Amino acid sequence: MYTADPQQASNFVAGVDLAFMIMLAVSIFFLIGLTVVMLVFIRKYRKDKHPKAIQNEGSNKLEALWTGIPLVLVLVMFYFGWMGWRPMKNPPDEAMHVKAIARMWNFRFEYENGKITDTLYVPINEPVILDLVALDVLHSLYIPAFRVKEDMVPGQEKVMWFIPGTEGEFDLFCTEYCGLEHSYMFTGVKVMPKEEFDAWIADTSAVVAVVDSETSLADQGWEVLRRNGCNACHSVDGSKLVGPSYLGGWGGTRTVVTDREEREITMDAEYVLRSVFDPNADVVQGFNKGLMLSYEGMVTEQEVELIIEYLKKLNE
């Protein structure tokens, strides 16, 4: 996705790339060197030249040499790796905070003024701290061009920070296998000029960004489902996935388990609203409790109404 120069994308690129190139150079040197020595020894000490094996005595100098040189090289590689890593763990006191929320299988970003997006927008040359929150399972937020990656662990407070250095769009995705749709858990980072970002963040009318208002209500409902990763667990054709299908439900009845008791319930607006905000209250028979977490605070009632419009259209 990225359209800018990745070599200048963030303040960590130079340190990480230097450590990588040093390790790569050492690896290539020993690959070539050992291969050449091996070939020379195969030719020089082959059986027809030395039909009778001899016993060579050990050499303390050689022992010290092939112990000391690798030790120095490992310490050199460690030093440059440590120098590239250490700044990542020391975020500045003054920086813009963005809450990065991960759940199966999407990312969401909440800004300090309440604005919510599914793409990370940041100003160029300004420090940004991501407060990492995992709502369900292990995730890992990775921005390759920025050379930053951090695991997101449920129940743990973790942060990631960086200073974007180049305007443009960059890839952002999950690198911790987190289930069925892990490979689809990706979005982007958009680095903007400071003035443009300030205007964007000040536009709080987009705090709850539905979709293009020119599209139908049902299409907007589909976009809400897509943006929140709902389609990974619910099918549109009646097939069984992690959760019940969208198809064949609206207006009819479903057998659910409520407080360990089975009952028939009508799939209406009240049921959909409760399923989004309290998904374990009425669990459809044949499906497991606890697989879906509440979307309260993530999805608004207005967006649930759009989801209902989509369900109505799908089940006409």
Foldseek 3Di string as FASTA:
>chain_A
DWDKDLCQFWPLNVLVVVLVVLVVVVVVVCVVVVVVVVVVCCVVVPCVVPVDDDDDDDDPVVVCVVVVVVVVSVVVSVVSVCVSCVVFPPADPDAFEWEWEAEVAEIWIAGPVLAIDREAEEEAQTKYKYWYAYDAAKWKKDFPSHPDIDIHHHPDTDMTMIHTHIFTKTKIATDDDDDDCRVVHIDIYGYDHPVVVVVVVVPCVNSPPQDPPVDDLLVSLVVVCVNVNVCSQEPLPQDHGQAGHLEPAAQAWFWWAAPNDTDIDHPYLVNLVCCQAPVQRTGTPPHDHPPDDHCVVVDDSVSSVSNRVNSVVSHD
